[in-house]
Amino acid sequence: MSVEPLGQIMDALDVETFFVCSSEEEGRMFMLALLKQWGFKDVDIVFAQQDGPGMRVRGRAYVYRPADKYQWLLGKGWQT
């Protein structure tokens, strides 16, 4: 039996990294673009902090929102 990891996520996937950039706006844009490039449609920024030559940014990709049909509960894999 093969398990799809995204199908086992309860609600969201957080990704944090440091972007070399010139402004907070640019750092936020980079994170949103990265998450969308990875195929996530429902994305947000949950943390951003200027630090020297760039920004530390944490983005959140929502796999499920409250009241969604949770695939992990139904025993099915993640659907894009």
PDB file of N, CA and C in Angstrom:
ATOM      1  N   MET A   1       0.836  -1.174   0.000  1.00  0.00           N
ATOM      2  CA  MET A   1       0.000   0.000   0.000  1.00  0.00           C
ATOM      3  C   MET A   1       0.884   1.242   0.000  1.00  0.00           C
ATOM      4  N   SER A   2       0.706   2.107  -0.962  1.00  0.00           N
ATOM      5  CA  SER A   2       1.481   3.335  -1.085  1.00  0.00           C
ATOM      6  C   SER A   2       0.718   4.501  -0.463  1.00  0.00           C
ATOM      7  N   VAL A   3       1.391   5.261   0.384  1.00  0.00           N
ATOM      8  CA  VAL A   3       0.770   6.401   1.050  1.00  0.00           C
ATOM      9  C   VAL A   3       1.245   7.687   0.388  1.00  0.00           C
ATOM     10  N   GLU A   4       0.305   8.555   0.041  1.00  0.00           N
ATOM     11  CA  GLU A   4       0.608   9.865  -0.518  1.00  0.00           C
ATOM     12  C   GLU A   4       0.771  10.838   0.642  1.00  0.00           C
ATOM     13  N   PRO A   5       1.984  11.367   0.891  1.00  0.00           N
ATOM     14  CA  PRO A   5       2.204  12.232   2.050  1.00  0.00           C
ATOM     15  C   PRO A   5       1.273  13.441   2.110  1.00  0.00           C
ATOM     16  N   LEU A   6       1.015  14.098   0.998  1.00  0.00           N
ATOM     17  CA  LEU A   6       0.113  15.257   1.032  1.00  0.00           C
ATOM     18  C   LEU A   6      -1.291  14.869   1.473  1.00  0.00           C
ATOM     19  N   GLY A   7      -1.690  13.654   1.191  1.00  0.00           N
ATOM     20  CA  GLY A   7      -2.999  13.184   1.607  1.00  0.00           C
ATOM     21  C   GLY A   7      -3.114  12.954   3.099  1.00  0.00           C
ATOM     22  N   GLN A   8      -1.979  12.941   3.797  1.00  0.00           N
ATOM     23  CA  GLN A   8      -1.973  12.713   5.234  1.00  0.00           C
ATOM     24  C   GLN A   8      -1.841  14.012   6.045  1.00  0.00           C
ATOM     25  N   ILE A   9      -1.706  15.137   5.370  1.00  0.00           N
ATOM     26  CA  ILE A   9      -1.597  16.422   6.064  1.00  0.00           C
ATOM     27  C   ILE A   9      -2.959  16.807   6.612  1.00  0.00           C
ATOM     28  N   MET A  10      -2.993  17.187   7.884  1.00  0.00           N
ATOM     29  CA  MET A  10      -4.271  17.523   8.516  1.00  0.00           C
ATOM     30  C   MET A  10      -4.859  18.817   7.970  1.00  0.00           C
ATOM     31  N   ASP A  11      -4.053  19.863   7.809  1.00  0.00           N
ATOM     32  CA  ASP A  11      -4.624  21.117   7.360  1.00  0.00           C
ATOM     33  C   ASP A  11      -3.726  21.889   6.399  1.00  0.00           C
ATOM     34  N   ALA A  12      -2.468  22.125   6.772  1.00  0.00           N
ATOM     35  CA  ALA A  12      -1.624  22.986   5.948  1.00  0.00           C
ATOM     36  C   ALA A  12      -0.161  22.561   6.013  1.00  0.00           C
ATOM     37  N   LEU A  13       0.589  23.032   5.045  1.00  0.00           N
ATOM     38  CA  LEU A  13       2.020  22.786   4.966  1.00  0.00           C
ATOM     39  C   LEU A  13       2.718  24.132   5.107  1.00  0.00           C
ATOM     40  N   ASP A  14       3.615  24.274   6.092  1.00  0.00           N
ATOM     41  CA  ASP A  14       4.385  25.500   6.274  1.00  0.00           C
ATOM     42  C   ASP A  14       5.783  25.306   5.708  1.00  0.00           C
ATOM     43  N   VAL A  15       6.264  26.338   5.011  1.00  0.00           N
ATOM     44  CA  VAL A  15       7.603  26.332   4.437  1.00  0.00           C
ATOM     45  C   VAL A  15       8.278  27.632   4.864  1.00  0.00           C
ATOM     46  N   GLU A  16       9.474  27.520   5.420  1.00  0.00           N
ATOM     47  CA  GLU A  16      10.207  28.719   5.837  1.00  0.00           C
ATOM     48  C   GLU A  16      11.570  28.728   5.182  1.00  0.00           C
ATOM     49  N   THR A  17      11.977  29.909   4.707  1.00  0.00           N
ATOM     50  CA  THR A  17      13.294  30.053   4.099  1.00  0.00           C
ATOM     51  C   THR A  17      13.736  31.502   4.175  1.00  0.00           C
ATOM     52  N   PHE A  18      14.952  31.753   3.730  1.00  0.00           N
ATOM     53  CA  PHE A  18      15.498  33.113   3.670  1.00  0.00           C
ATOM     54  C   PHE A  18      15.675  33.463   2.205  1.00  0.00           C
ATOM     55  N   PHE A  19      15.054  34.557   1.783  1.00  0.00           N
ATOM     56  CA  PHE A  19      15.207  35.056   0.413  1.00  0.00           C
ATOM     57  C   PHE A  19      16.117  36.277   0.426  1.00  0.00           C
ATOM     58  N   VAL A  20      17.109  36.314  -0.440  1.00  0.00           N
ATOM     59  CA  VAL A  20      17.889  37.521  -0.651  1.00  0.00           C
ATOM     60  C   VAL A  20      17.021  38.418  -1.517  1.00  0.00           C
ATOM     61  N   CYS A  21      16.631  39.561  -0.954  1.00  0.00           N
ATOM     62  CA  CYS A  21      15.725  40.461  -1.670  1.00  0.00           C
ATOM     63  C   CYS A  21      15.867  41.869  -1.114  1.00  0.00           C
ATOM     64  N   SER A  22      15.254  42.835  -1.796  1.00  0.00           N
ATOM     65  CA  SER A  22      15.431  44.240  -1.421  1.00  0.00           C
ATOM     66  C   SER A  22      14.318  44.798  -0.541  1.00  0.00           C
ATOM     67  N   SER A  23      13.210  44.063  -0.387  1.00  0.00           N
ATOM     68  CA  SER A  23      12.102  44.590   0.411  1.00  0.00           C
ATOM     69  C   SER A  23      11.226  43.458   0.942  1.00  0.00           C
ATOM     70  N   GLU A  24      10.401  43.793   1.940  1.00  0.00           N
ATOM     71  CA  GLU A  24       9.457  42.806   2.468  1.00  0.00           C
ATOM     72  C   GLU A  24       8.463  42.389   1.391  1.00  0.00           C
ATOM     73  N   GLU A  25       8.028  43.338   0.609  1.00  0.00           N
ATOM     74  CA  GLU A  25       7.078  43.033  -0.467  1.00  0.00           C
ATOM     75  C   GLU A  25       7.658  42.010  -1.448  1.00  0.00           C
ATOM     76  N   GLU A  26       8.928  42.178  -1.791  1.00  0.00           N
ATOM     77  CA  GLU A  26       9.576  41.246  -2.714  1.00  0.00           C
ATOM     78  C   GLU A  26       9.714  39.856  -2.084  1.00  0.00           C
ATOM     79  N   GLY A  27      10.098  39.790  -0.801  1.00  0.00           N
ATOM     80  CA  GLY A  27      10.214  38.510  -0.110  1.00  0.00           C
ATOM     81  C   GLY A  27       8.891  37.767  -0.045  1.00  0.00           C
ATOM     82  N   ARG A  28       7.817  38.496   0.257  1.00  0.00           N
ATOM     83  CA  ARG A  28       6.478  37.889   0.290  1.00  0.00           C
ATOM     84  C   ARG A  28       6.091  37.379  -1.099  1.00  0.00           C
ATOM     85  N   MET A  29       6.383  38.170  -2.122  1.00  0.00           N
ATOM     86  CA  MET A  29       6.062  37.776  -3.497  1.00  0.00           C
ATOM     87  C   MET A  29       6.799  36.487  -3.879  1.00  0.00           C
ATOM     88  N   PHE A  30       8.086  36.398  -3.500  1.00  0.00           N
ATOM     89  CA  PHE A  30       8.863  35.196  -3.805  1.00  0.00           C
ATOM     90  C   PHE A  30       8.233  33.953  -3.174  1.00  0.00           C
ATOM     91  N   MET A  31       7.825  34.061  -1.891  1.00  0.00           N
ATOM     92  CA  MET A  31       7.251  32.894  -1.208  1.00  0.00           C
ATOM     93  C   MET A  31       5.932  32.471  -1.850  1.00  0.00           C
ATOM     94  N   LEU A  32       5.058  33.426  -2.116  1.00  0.00           N
ATOM     95  CA  LEU A  32       3.770  33.085  -2.738  1.00  0.00           C
ATOM     96  C   LEU A  32       3.984  32.450  -4.106  1.00  0.00           C
ATOM     97  N   ALA A  33       4.927  33.005  -4.875  1.00  0.00           N
ATOM     98  CA  ALA A  33       5.220  32.450  -6.205  1.00  0.00           C
ATOM     99  C   ALA A  33       5.783  31.033  -6.097  1.00  0.00           C
ATOM    100  N   LEU A  34       6.651  30.789  -5.109  1.00  0.00           N
ATOM    101  CA  LEU A  34       7.230  29.457  -4.922  1.00  0.00           C
ATOM    102  C   LEU A  34       6.149  28.432  -4.608  1.00  0.00           C
ATOM    103  N   LEU A  35       5.272  28.747  -3.654  1.00  0.00           N
ATOM    104  CA  LEU A  35       4.211  27.803  -3.282  1.00  0.00           C
ATOM    105  C   LEU A  35       3.266  27.541  -4.445  1.00  0.00           C
ATOM    106  N   LYS A  36       2.946  28.565  -5.208  1.00  0.00           N
ATOM    107  CA  LYS A  36       2.073  28.381  -6.382  1.00  0.00           C
ATOM    108  C   LYS A  36       2.778  27.574  -7.458  1.00  0.00           C
ATOM    109  N   GLN A  37       4.088  27.796  -7.618  1.00  0.00           N
ATOM    110  CA  GLN A  37       4.868  27.022  -8.593  1.00  0.00           C
ATOM    111  C   GLN A  37       4.863  25.540  -8.230  1.00  0.00           C
ATOM    112  N   TRP A  38       4.808  25.229  -6.938  1.00  0.00           N
ATOM    113  CA  TRP A  38       4.749  23.842  -6.474  1.00  0.00           C
ATOM    114  C   TRP A  38       3.361  23.249  -6.613  1.00  0.00           C
ATOM    115  N   GLY A  39       2.386  24.032  -7.100  1.00  0.00           N
ATOM    116  CA  GLY A  39       1.053  23.501  -7.371  1.00  0.00           C
ATOM    117  C   GLY A  39      -0.008  23.794  -6.333  1.00  0.00           C
ATOM    118  N   PHE A  40       0.324  24.554  -5.293  1.00  0.00           N
ATOM    119  CA  PHE A  40      -0.668  24.900  -4.278  1.00  0.00           C
ATOM    120  C   PHE A  40      -1.441  26.133  -4.714  1.00  0.00           C
ATOM    121  N   LYS A  41      -2.746  26.110  -4.514  1.00  0.00           N
ATOM    122  CA  LYS A  41      -3.603  27.215  -4.943  1.00  0.00           C
ATOM    123  C   LYS A  41      -3.975  28.144  -3.800  1.00  0.00           C
ATOM    124  N   ASP A  42      -4.140  27.606  -2.605  1.00  0.00           N
ATOM    125  CA  ASP A  42      -4.574  28.364  -1.433  1.00  0.00           C
ATOM    126  C   ASP A  42      -3.353  28.607  -0.549  1.00  0.00           C
ATOM    127  N   VAL A  43      -2.703  29.764  -0.713  1.00  0.00           N
ATOM    128  CA  VAL A  43      -1.443  30.049  -0.027  1.00  0.00           C
ATOM    129  C   VAL A  43      -1.505  31.393   0.697  1.00  0.00           C
ATOM    130  N   ASP A  44      -0.642  31.539   1.693  1.00  0.00           N
ATOM    131  CA  ASP A  44      -0.604  32.764   2.483  1.00  0.00           C
ATOM    132  C   ASP A  44       0.775  32.904   3.124  1.00  0.00           C
ATOM    133  N   ILE A  45       1.064  34.106   3.606  1.00  0.00           N
ATOM    134  CA  ILE A  45       2.286  34.363   4.367  1.00  0.00           C
ATOM    135  C   ILE A  45       1.901  34.440   5.830  1.00  0.00           C
ATOM    136  N   VAL A  46       2.612  33.700   6.696  1.00  0.00           N
ATOM    137  CA  VAL A  46       2.299  33.728   8.121  1.00  0.00           C
ATOM    138  C   VAL A  46       3.402  34.398   8.946  1.00  0.00           C
ATOM    139  N   PHE A  47       4.561  34.661   8.333  1.00  0.00           N
ATOM    140  CA  PHE A  47       5.645  35.330   9.041  1.00  0.00           C
ATOM    141  C   PHE A  47       6.602  35.922   8.024  1.00  0.00           C
ATOM    142  N   ALA A  48       7.053  37.147   8.279  1.00  0.00           N
ATOM    143  CA  ALA A  48       8.075  37.775   7.436  1.00  0.00           C
ATOM    144  C   ALA A  48       8.895  38.722   8.306  1.00  0.00           C
ATOM    145  N   GLN A  49      10.225  38.634   8.200  1.00  0.00           N
ATOM    146  CA  GLN A  49      11.099  39.474   9.014  1.00  0.00           C
ATOM    147  C   GLN A  49      12.318  39.876   8.201  1.00  0.00           C
ATOM    148  N   GLN A  50      12.531  41.188   8.080  1.00  0.00           N
ATOM    149  CA  GLN A  50      13.722  41.707   7.408  1.00  0.00           C
ATOM    150  C   GLN A  50      14.941  41.350   8.240  1.00  0.00           C
ATOM    151  N   ASP A  51      16.001  40.880   7.587  1.00  0.00           N
ATOM    152  CA  ASP A  51      17.216  40.498   8.304  1.00  0.00           C
ATOM    153  C   ASP A  51      18.403  40.660   7.371  1.00  0.00           C
ATOM    154  N   GLY A  52      19.099  41.754   7.502  1.00  0.00           N
ATOM    155  CA  GLY A  52      20.286  41.983   6.675  1.00  0.00           C
ATOM    156  C   GLY A  52      19.952  42.072   5.196  1.00  0.00           C
ATOM    157  N   PRO A  53      20.526  41.160   4.396  1.00  0.00           N
ATOM    158  CA  PRO A  53      20.371  41.265   2.940  1.00  0.00           C
ATOM    159  C   PRO A  53      19.052  40.714   2.389  1.00  0.00           C
ATOM    160  N   GLY A  54      18.099  40.404   3.269  1.00  0.00           N
ATOM    161  CA  GLY A  54      16.852  39.836   2.743  1.00  0.00           C
ATOM    162  C   GLY A  54      15.799  39.642   3.797  1.00  0.00           C
ATOM    163  N   MET A  55      14.959  38.628   3.566  1.00  0.00           N
ATOM    164  CA  MET A  55      13.802  38.367   4.421  1.00  0.00           C
ATOM    165  C   MET A  55      13.732  36.893   4.800  1.00  0.00           C
ATOM    166  N   ARG A  56      13.432  36.646   6.068  1.00  0.00           N
ATOM    167  CA  ARG A  56      13.035  35.303   6.495  1.00  0.00           C
ATOM    168  C   ARG A  56      11.530  35.272   6.344  1.00  0.00           C
ATOM    169  N   VAL A  57      11.017  34.326   5.556  1.00  0.00           N
ATOM    170  CA  VAL A  57       9.592  34.272   5.237  1.00  0.00           C
ATOM    171  C   VAL A  57       9.067  32.859   5.467  1.00  0.00           C
ATOM    172  N   ARG A  58       7.919  32.764   6.143  1.00  0.00           N
ATOM    173  CA  ARG A  58       7.231  31.475   6.308  1.00  0.00           C
ATOM    174  C   ARG A  58       5.913  31.559   5.547  1.00  0.00           C
ATOM    175  N   GLY A  59       5.754  30.665   4.602  1.00  0.00           N
ATOM    176  CA  GLY A  59       4.524  30.594   3.815  1.00  0.00           C
ATOM    177  C   GLY A  59       3.709  29.380   4.224  1.00  0.00           C
ATOM    178  N   ARG A  60       2.420  29.483   4.037  1.00  0.00           N
ATOM    179  CA  ARG A  60       1.523  28.373   4.371  1.00  0.00           C
ATOM    180  C   ARG A  60       0.708  28.010   3.133  1.00  0.00           C
ATOM    181  N   ALA A  61       0.745  26.728   2.792  1.00  0.00           N
ATOM    182  CA  ALA A  61      -0.070  26.184   1.700  1.00  0.00           C
ATOM    183  C   ALA A  61      -1.173  25.353   2.337  1.00  0.00           C
ATOM    184  N   TYR A  62      -2.396  25.800   2.189  1.00  0.00           N
ATOM    185  CA  TYR A  62      -3.520  25.085   2.788  1.00  0.00           C
ATOM    186  C   TYR A  62      -3.901  23.901   1.908  1.00  0.00           C
ATOM    187  N   VAL A  63      -3.819  22.728   2.479  1.00  0.00           N
ATOM    188  CA  VAL A  63      -4.269  21.520   1.800  1.00  0.00           C
ATOM    189  C   VAL A  63      -5.755  21.350   2.085  1.00  0.00           C
ATOM    190  N   TYR A  64      -6.158  21.659   3.321  1.00  0.00           N
ATOM    191  CA  TYR A  64      -7.565  21.595   3.737  1.00  0.00           C
ATOM    192  C   TYR A  64      -7.899  22.816   4.583  1.00  0.00           C
ATOM    193  N   ARG A  65      -9.098  23.326   4.416  1.00  0.00           N
ATOM    194  CA  ARG A  65      -9.656  24.380   5.266  1.00  0.00           C
ATOM    195  C   ARG A  65     -10.752  23.741   6.120  1.00  0.00           C
ATOM    196  N   PRO A  66     -11.156  24.409   7.204  1.00  0.00           N
ATOM    197  CA  PRO A  66     -12.239  23.854   8.020  1.00  0.00           C
ATOM    198  C   PRO A  66     -13.471  23.538   7.173  1.00  0.00           C
ATOM    199  N   ALA A  67     -14.074  22.405   7.435  1.00  0.00           N
ATOM    200  CA  ALA A  67     -15.276  21.910   6.754  1.00  0.00           C
ATOM    201  C   ALA A  67     -15.003  21.322   5.371  1.00  0.00           C
ATOM    202  N   ASP A  68     -13.741  21.250   4.953  1.00  0.00           N
ATOM    203  CA  ASP A  68     -13.412  20.558   3.702  1.00  0.00           C
ATOM    204  C   ASP A  68     -13.675  19.072   3.868  1.00  0.00           C
ATOM    205  N   LYS A  69     -13.713  18.365   2.769  1.00  0.00           N
ATOM    206  CA  LYS A  69     -13.781  16.898   2.806  1.00  0.00           C
ATOM    207  C   LYS A  69     -12.341  16.395   2.928  1.00  0.00           C
ATOM    208  N   TYR A  70     -11.977  16.038   4.136  1.00  0.00           N
ATOM    209  CA  TYR A  70     -10.610  15.617   4.418  1.00  0.00           C
ATOM    210  C   TYR A  70     -10.339  14.259   3.790  1.00  0.00           C
ATOM    211  N   GLN A  71      -9.416  14.224   2.846  1.00  0.00           N
ATOM    212  CA  GLN A  71      -9.095  12.979   2.158  1.00  0.00           C
ATOM    213  C   GLN A  71      -8.479  11.958   3.106  1.00  0.00           C
ATOM    214  N   TRP A  72      -7.697  12.419   4.093  1.00  0.00           N
ATOM    215  CA  TRP A  72      -7.087  11.491   5.048  1.00  0.00           C
ATOM    216  C   TRP A  72      -8.153  10.822   5.912  1.00  0.00           C
ATOM    217  N   LEU A  73      -9.279  11.490   6.119  1.00  0.00           N
ATOM    218  CA  LEU A  73     -10.368  10.914   6.899  1.00  0.00           C
ATOM    219  C   LEU A  73     -11.171   9.923   6.045  1.00  0.00           C
ATOM    220  N   LEU A  74     -11.275  10.228   4.752  1.00  0.00           N
ATOM    221  CA  LEU A  74     -12.027   9.375   3.835  1.00  0.00           C
ATOM    222  C   LEU A  74     -11.195   8.209   3.309  1.00  0.00           C
ATOM    223  N   GLY A  75      -9.886   8.220   3.626  1.00  0.00           N
ATOM    224  CA  GLY A  75      -9.010   7.145   3.162  1.00  0.00           C
ATOM    225  C   GLY A  75      -8.594   7.291   1.709  1.00  0.00           C
ATOM    226  N   LYS A  76      -8.606   8.544   1.200  1.00  0.00           N
ATOM    227  CA  LYS A  76      -8.211   8.806  -0.176  1.00  0.00           C
ATOM    228  C   LYS A  76      -7.014   9.742  -0.177  1.00  0.00           C
ATOM    229  N   GLY A  77      -6.281   9.765  -1.274  1.00  0.00           N
ATOM    230  CA  GLY A  77      -5.129  10.645  -1.405  1.00  0.00           C
ATOM    231  C   GLY A  77      -5.522  12.068  -1.721  1.00  0.00           C
ATOM    232  N   TRP A  78      -4.518  12.945  -1.718  1.00  0.00           N
ATOM    233  CA  TRP A  78      -4.696  14.363  -1.980  1.00  0.00           C
ATOM    234  C   TRP A  78      -5.093  14.607  -3.433  1.00  0.00           C
ATOM    235  N   GLN A  79      -6.001  15.548  -3.639  1.00  0.00           N
ATOM    236  CA  GLN A  79      -6.446  15.900  -4.986  1.00  0.00           C
ATOM    237  C   GLN A  79      -6.072  17.339  -5.286  1.00  0.00           C
ATOM    238  N   THR A  80      -5.475  17.598  -6.445  1.00  0.00           N
ATOM    239  CA  THR A  80      -5.136  18.975  -6.831  1.00  0.00           C
ATOM    240  C   THR A  80      -6.296  19.656  -7.487  1.00  0.00           C
TER     241      THR A  80
END
